[in-house]
């Protein structure tokens, strides 16, 4: 809520429900964010990080800060992970943030926000 309280334009991305995202947007609005936007994005899908960034660009026109905080936690002992659980964990916790960050770079470079 810190960015919202400072008046940042916010795009919320989650794999939750519309009701959950509307509630979070209302909280951001109450904290000071002007017209927070949101989108439902399933980061277990391999093409979703780029789609998420494109949706954010379309709605917000620019991205100044990417809070890359998607993450999964599997509560199992080492040695008990299935291949599918491990792949899902790596997809959401490593692959998605990497490709979301990579998708933001071109617009930042055009504005000289990243060197």
N, C-alpha and C. Protein backbone atom coordinates (compact mmCIF):
# COMPACT_ATOMS: atom_id res chain seq x y z
N UNK A 1 0.81 -1.19 0.00
CA UNK A 1 0.00 0.00 0.00
C UNK A 1 0.86 1.27 0.00
N UNK A 2 2.14 1.09 0.20
CA UNK A 2 3.01 2.27 0.24
C UNK A 2 2.95 3.04 -1.08
N UNK A 3 3.06 2.35 -2.20
CA UNK A 3 3.00 3.04 -3.50
C UNK A 3 1.64 3.68 -3.70
N UNK A 4 0.58 3.00 -3.30
CA UNK A 4 -0.77 3.57 -3.42
C UNK A 4 -0.89 4.82 -2.57
N UNK A 5 -0.35 4.79 -1.36
CA UNK A 5 -0.46 5.95 -0.46
C UNK A 5 0.33 7.14 -0.97
N UNK A 6 1.28 6.88 -1.86
CA UNK A 6 2.05 7.98 -2.46
C UNK A 6 1.45 8.43 -3.79
N UNK A 7 0.27 7.90 -4.12
CA UNK A 7 -0.44 8.34 -5.32
C UNK A 7 0.00 7.68 -6.61
N UNK A 8 0.68 6.54 -6.51
CA UNK A 8 1.14 5.85 -7.72
C UNK A 8 -0.05 5.28 -8.49
N UNK A 9 0.08 5.28 -9.80
CA UNK A 9 -0.89 4.59 -10.65
C UNK A 9 -0.58 3.10 -10.54
N UNK A 10 -1.57 2.31 -10.20
CA UNK A 10 -1.37 0.90 -9.86
C UNK A 10 -2.10 -0.01 -10.84
N UNK A 11 -1.39 -1.06 -11.30
CA UNK A 11 -2.01 -2.15 -12.05
C UNK A 11 -1.80 -3.41 -11.23
N UNK A 12 -2.88 -3.99 -10.74
CA UNK A 12 -2.82 -5.20 -9.94
C UNK A 12 -2.94 -6.42 -10.85
N UNK A 13 -2.06 -7.36 -10.68
CA UNK A 13 -2.10 -8.59 -11.47
C UNK A 13 -2.09 -9.77 -10.52
N UNK A 14 -3.06 -10.65 -10.68
CA UNK A 14 -3.16 -11.83 -9.82
C UNK A 14 -3.97 -12.90 -10.52
N UNK A 15 -3.90 -14.10 -9.97
CA UNK A 15 -4.73 -15.17 -10.52
C UNK A 15 -5.96 -15.40 -9.65
N UNK A 16 -6.33 -14.39 -8.90
CA UNK A 16 -7.50 -14.48 -8.03
C UNK A 16 -8.79 -14.26 -8.78
N UNK A 17 -9.80 -13.86 -8.04
CA UNK A 17 -11.11 -13.62 -8.63
C UNK A 17 -11.30 -12.13 -8.88
N UNK A 18 -12.28 -11.81 -9.72
CA UNK A 18 -12.60 -10.40 -9.96
C UNK A 18 -12.96 -9.71 -8.66
N UNK A 19 -13.72 -10.37 -7.79
CA UNK A 19 -14.11 -9.78 -6.51
C UNK A 19 -12.89 -9.45 -5.65
N UNK A 20 -11.92 -10.37 -5.61
CA UNK A 20 -10.70 -10.13 -4.83
C UNK A 20 -9.92 -8.95 -5.38
N UNK A 21 -9.80 -8.88 -6.69
CA UNK A 21 -9.05 -7.78 -7.30
C UNK A 21 -9.79 -6.46 -7.15
N UNK A 22 -11.11 -6.47 -7.27
CA UNK A 22 -11.89 -5.25 -7.05
C UNK A 22 -11.73 -4.75 -5.62
N UNK A 23 -11.72 -5.67 -4.67
CA UNK A 23 -11.54 -5.31 -3.26
C UNK A 23 -10.16 -4.69 -3.03
N UNK A 24 -9.14 -5.30 -3.61
CA UNK A 24 -7.79 -4.76 -3.47
C UNK A 24 -7.67 -3.41 -4.17
N UNK A 25 -8.29 -3.26 -5.33
CA UNK A 25 -8.29 -1.97 -6.04
C UNK A 25 -8.97 -0.91 -5.19
N UNK A 26 -10.07 -1.26 -4.53
CA UNK A 26 -10.76 -0.30 -3.66
C UNK A 26 -9.87 0.12 -2.49
N UNK A 27 -9.13 -0.83 -1.94
CA UNK A 27 -8.20 -0.51 -0.86
C UNK A 27 -7.10 0.42 -1.35
N UNK A 28 -6.59 0.17 -2.55
CA UNK A 28 -5.56 1.04 -3.14
C UNK A 28 -6.13 2.44 -3.38
N UNK A 29 -7.34 2.49 -3.88
CA UNK A 29 -8.00 3.78 -4.14
C UNK A 29 -8.15 4.56 -2.84
N UNK A 30 -8.58 3.88 -1.79
CA UNK A 30 -8.76 4.51 -0.48
C UNK A 30 -7.43 5.03 0.06
N UNK A 31 -6.35 4.31 -0.26
CA UNK A 31 -5.01 4.71 0.21
C UNK A 31 -4.44 5.88 -0.59
N UNK A 32 -5.02 6.16 -1.77
CA UNK A 32 -4.55 7.31 -2.54
C UNK A 32 -4.20 7.05 -3.99
N UNK A 33 -4.29 5.81 -4.44
CA UNK A 33 -3.98 5.51 -5.85
C UNK A 33 -5.13 5.97 -6.74
N UNK A 34 -4.82 6.75 -7.77
CA UNK A 34 -5.88 7.18 -8.68
C UNK A 34 -6.26 6.06 -9.65
N UNK A 35 -7.51 5.66 -9.65
CA UNK A 35 -8.05 4.71 -10.63
C UNK A 35 -7.19 3.46 -10.82
N UNK A 36 -6.99 2.65 -9.76
CA UNK A 36 -6.20 1.43 -9.92
C UNK A 36 -6.87 0.48 -10.90
N UNK A 37 -6.06 -0.15 -11.73
CA UNK A 37 -6.55 -1.12 -12.71
C UNK A 37 -6.09 -2.50 -12.29
N UNK A 38 -6.68 -3.52 -12.89
CA UNK A 38 -6.28 -4.88 -12.54
C UNK A 38 -6.55 -5.83 -13.69
N UNK A 39 -5.88 -6.98 -13.61
CA UNK A 39 -6.09 -8.04 -14.58
C UNK A 39 -5.82 -9.39 -13.94
N UNK A 40 -6.55 -10.39 -14.38
CA UNK A 40 -6.34 -11.75 -13.88
C UNK A 40 -5.31 -12.41 -14.79
N UNK A 41 -4.22 -12.86 -14.19
CA UNK A 41 -3.12 -13.45 -14.95
C UNK A 41 -2.63 -14.72 -14.25
N UNK A 42 -2.65 -15.82 -14.97
CA UNK A 42 -2.20 -17.11 -14.46
C UNK A 42 -0.75 -17.32 -14.89
N UNK A 43 0.16 -17.05 -13.98
CA UNK A 43 1.59 -17.11 -14.32
C UNK A 43 2.13 -18.52 -14.44
N UNK A 44 1.28 -19.53 -14.28
CA UNK A 44 1.72 -20.89 -14.60
C UNK A 44 1.69 -21.12 -16.10
N UNK A 45 0.99 -20.25 -16.83
CA UNK A 45 0.96 -20.34 -18.30
C UNK A 45 2.21 -19.66 -18.85
N UNK A 46 2.91 -20.32 -19.74
CA UNK A 46 4.22 -19.85 -20.19
C UNK A 46 4.18 -18.50 -20.88
N UNK A 47 3.10 -18.15 -21.56
CA UNK A 47 3.03 -16.88 -22.28
C UNK A 47 2.42 -15.75 -21.45
N UNK A 48 2.03 -16.04 -20.22
CA UNK A 48 1.29 -15.06 -19.43
C UNK A 48 2.11 -13.86 -18.95
N UNK A 49 3.39 -14.00 -18.58
CA UNK A 49 4.13 -12.80 -18.15
C UNK A 49 4.12 -11.70 -19.21
N UNK A 50 4.36 -12.06 -20.47
CA UNK A 50 4.36 -11.06 -21.54
C UNK A 50 2.96 -10.49 -21.76
N UNK A 51 1.93 -11.34 -21.67
CA UNK A 51 0.55 -10.86 -21.81
C UNK A 51 0.19 -9.91 -20.67
N UNK A 52 0.66 -10.21 -19.46
CA UNK A 52 0.41 -9.35 -18.31
C UNK A 52 1.03 -7.97 -18.52
N UNK A 53 2.26 -7.93 -18.96
CA UNK A 53 2.94 -6.65 -19.18
C UNK A 53 2.26 -5.89 -20.31
N UNK A 54 1.86 -6.58 -21.37
CA UNK A 54 1.15 -5.92 -22.48
C UNK A 54 -0.17 -5.34 -22.00
N UNK A 55 -0.90 -6.07 -21.17
CA UNK A 55 -2.17 -5.57 -20.64
C UNK A 55 -1.94 -4.34 -19.76
N UNK A 56 -0.90 -4.37 -18.97
CA UNK A 56 -0.56 -3.22 -18.13
C UNK A 56 -0.20 -2.01 -18.98
N UNK A 57 0.63 -2.22 -20.00
CA UNK A 57 0.99 -1.12 -20.91
C UNK A 57 -0.24 -0.54 -21.59
N UNK A 58 -1.12 -1.40 -22.04
CA UNK A 58 -2.32 -0.93 -22.73
C UNK A 58 -3.18 -0.07 -21.80
N UNK A 59 -3.31 -0.48 -20.55
CA UNK A 59 -4.16 0.25 -19.61
C UNK A 59 -3.47 1.47 -19.02
N UNK A 60 -2.19 1.33 -18.67
CA UNK A 60 -1.49 2.37 -17.93
C UNK A 60 -0.60 3.26 -18.82
N UNK A 61 -0.31 2.82 -20.02
CA UNK A 61 0.51 3.53 -21.00
C UNK A 61 2.01 3.48 -20.71
N UNK A 62 2.40 3.25 -19.46
CA UNK A 62 3.82 3.12 -19.14
C UNK A 62 3.97 2.38 -17.81
N UNK A 63 5.14 1.83 -17.61
CA UNK A 63 5.45 1.15 -16.36
C UNK A 63 6.73 1.76 -15.82
N UNK A 64 6.65 2.33 -14.63
CA UNK A 64 7.82 2.91 -13.99
C UNK A 64 8.43 1.96 -12.96
N UNK A 65 7.57 1.19 -12.30
CA UNK A 65 8.03 0.27 -11.26
C UNK A 65 7.31 -1.06 -11.46
N UNK A 66 8.06 -2.14 -11.46
CA UNK A 66 7.48 -3.48 -11.52
C UNK A 66 7.74 -4.15 -10.18
N UNK A 67 6.68 -4.40 -9.43
CA UNK A 67 6.80 -5.15 -8.18
C UNK A 67 6.54 -6.60 -8.54
N UNK A 68 7.60 -7.33 -8.68
CA UNK A 68 7.57 -8.70 -9.18
C UNK A 68 7.45 -9.65 -8.00
N UNK A 69 6.26 -9.76 -7.41
CA UNK A 69 6.14 -10.52 -6.17
C UNK A 69 5.26 -11.76 -6.25
N UNK A 70 5.05 -12.27 -7.45
CA UNK A 70 4.31 -13.53 -7.57
C UNK A 70 5.16 -14.64 -6.97
N UNK A 71 4.52 -15.57 -6.34
CA UNK A 71 5.29 -16.67 -5.79
C UNK A 71 4.41 -17.79 -5.26
N UNK A 72 4.94 -18.98 -5.34
CA UNK A 72 4.28 -20.17 -4.81
C UNK A 72 5.16 -20.77 -3.73
N UNK A 73 4.52 -21.45 -2.82
CA UNK A 73 5.25 -22.18 -1.79
C UNK A 73 4.62 -23.56 -1.70
N UNK A 74 5.43 -24.56 -1.83
CA UNK A 74 4.97 -25.93 -1.69
C UNK A 74 5.54 -26.47 -0.38
N UNK A 75 4.68 -26.86 0.50
CA UNK A 75 5.12 -27.34 1.82
C UNK A 75 5.32 -28.85 1.78
N UNK A 76 6.46 -29.22 1.28
CA UNK A 76 6.83 -30.63 1.24
C UNK A 76 8.31 -30.75 1.57
N UNK A 77 8.66 -31.88 2.10
CA UNK A 77 10.06 -32.13 2.41
C UNK A 77 10.83 -32.37 1.11
N UNK A 78 12.11 -32.01 1.15
CA UNK A 78 12.98 -32.29 0.01
C UNK A 78 12.90 -33.79 -0.28
N UNK A 79 12.77 -34.12 -1.54
CA UNK A 79 12.64 -35.52 -1.91
C UNK A 79 11.21 -35.96 -2.14
N UNK A 80 10.25 -35.11 -1.76
CA UNK A 80 8.84 -35.45 -1.92
C UNK A 80 8.16 -34.68 -3.05
N UNK A 81 8.88 -33.81 -3.73
CA UNK A 81 8.31 -33.02 -4.83
C UNK A 81 8.11 -33.89 -6.06
N UNK A 82 6.96 -33.73 -6.69
CA UNK A 82 6.76 -34.37 -7.99
C UNK A 82 7.39 -33.48 -9.05
N UNK A 83 7.61 -34.01 -10.22
CA UNK A 83 8.14 -33.21 -11.33
C UNK A 83 7.18 -32.06 -11.65
N UNK A 84 5.89 -32.33 -11.62
CA UNK A 84 4.89 -31.30 -11.93
C UNK A 84 4.92 -30.17 -10.91
N UNK A 85 5.03 -30.50 -9.62
CA UNK A 85 5.08 -29.48 -8.58
C UNK A 85 6.34 -28.63 -8.72
N UNK A 86 7.46 -29.28 -8.98
CA UNK A 86 8.70 -28.54 -9.16
C UNK A 86 8.62 -27.62 -10.37
N UNK A 87 8.11 -28.13 -11.49
CA UNK A 87 7.99 -27.30 -12.70
C UNK A 87 7.07 -26.11 -12.46
N UNK A 88 5.97 -26.31 -11.76
CA UNK A 88 5.04 -25.21 -11.46
C UNK A 88 5.72 -24.16 -10.58
N UNK A 89 6.46 -24.62 -9.57
CA UNK A 89 7.18 -23.73 -8.67
C UNK A 89 8.20 -22.89 -9.43
N UNK A 90 8.98 -23.52 -10.28
CA UNK A 90 10.00 -22.81 -11.06
C UNK A 90 9.34 -21.86 -12.06
N UNK A 91 8.24 -22.28 -12.67
CA UNK A 91 7.54 -21.43 -13.64
C UNK A 91 7.06 -20.14 -13.00
N UNK A 92 6.43 -20.24 -11.83
CA UNK A 92 5.87 -19.05 -11.18
C UNK A 92 6.94 -18.25 -10.45
N UNK A 93 7.85 -18.90 -9.75
CA UNK A 93 8.80 -18.19 -8.90
C UNK A 93 10.06 -17.71 -9.61
N UNK A 94 10.39 -18.29 -10.75
CA UNK A 94 11.61 -17.91 -11.46
C UNK A 94 11.33 -17.45 -12.89
N UNK A 95 10.68 -18.29 -13.66
CA UNK A 95 10.46 -17.98 -15.07
C UNK A 95 9.56 -16.75 -15.26
N UNK A 96 8.43 -16.70 -14.57
CA UNK A 96 7.48 -15.59 -14.74
C UNK A 96 8.11 -14.24 -14.38
N UNK A 97 8.77 -14.10 -13.22
CA UNK A 97 9.39 -12.81 -12.91
C UNK A 97 10.47 -12.41 -13.92
N UNK A 98 11.24 -13.40 -14.37
CA UNK A 98 12.29 -13.12 -15.34
C UNK A 98 11.69 -12.55 -16.62
N UNK A 99 10.68 -13.23 -17.18
CA UNK A 99 10.11 -12.79 -18.45
C UNK A 99 9.24 -11.54 -18.30
N UNK A 100 8.63 -11.34 -17.14
CA UNK A 100 7.91 -10.09 -16.90
C UNK A 100 8.90 -8.92 -16.88
N UNK A 101 10.01 -9.10 -16.19
CA UNK A 101 11.04 -8.05 -16.15
C UNK A 101 11.59 -7.78 -17.54
N UNK A 102 11.86 -8.84 -18.27
CA UNK A 102 12.39 -8.69 -19.62
C UNK A 102 11.39 -7.95 -20.53
N UNK A 103 10.10 -8.19 -20.34
CA UNK A 103 9.08 -7.54 -21.16
C UNK A 103 8.96 -6.05 -20.87
N UNK A 104 9.35 -5.62 -19.68
CA UNK A 104 9.28 -4.20 -19.30
C UNK A 104 10.45 -3.40 -19.87
N UNK A 105 11.58 -4.05 -20.05
CA UNK A 105 12.82 -3.35 -20.42
C UNK A 105 12.71 -2.48 -21.68
N UNK A 106 12.14 -2.94 -22.79
CA UNK A 106 12.11 -2.10 -24.00
C UNK A 106 11.47 -0.72 -23.78
N UNK A 107 10.35 -0.68 -23.07
CA UNK A 107 9.71 0.63 -22.87
C UNK A 107 10.53 1.50 -21.92
N UNK A 108 11.18 0.89 -20.96
CA UNK A 108 12.04 1.66 -20.05
C UNK A 108 13.25 2.22 -20.80
N UNK A 109 13.82 1.43 -21.68
CA UNK A 109 14.97 1.90 -22.45
C UNK A 109 14.59 3.06 -23.36
N UNK A 110 13.38 2.99 -23.93
CA UNK A 110 12.93 4.10 -24.77
C UNK A 110 12.83 5.40 -23.98
N UNK A 111 12.54 5.28 -22.70
CA UNK A 111 12.45 6.47 -21.84
C UNK A 111 13.75 6.69 -21.07
N UNK A 112 14.75 5.86 -21.33
CA UNK A 112 16.06 5.93 -20.66
C UNK A 112 15.92 5.74 -19.15
N UNK A 113 14.97 4.90 -18.73
CA UNK A 113 14.78 4.63 -17.31
C UNK A 113 15.67 3.49 -16.83
N UNK A 114 16.25 2.73 -17.75
CA UNK A 114 17.12 1.61 -17.41
C UNK A 114 18.37 1.72 -18.27
N UNK A 115 19.52 1.47 -17.67
CA UNK A 115 20.76 1.46 -18.46
C UNK A 115 21.49 0.17 -18.22
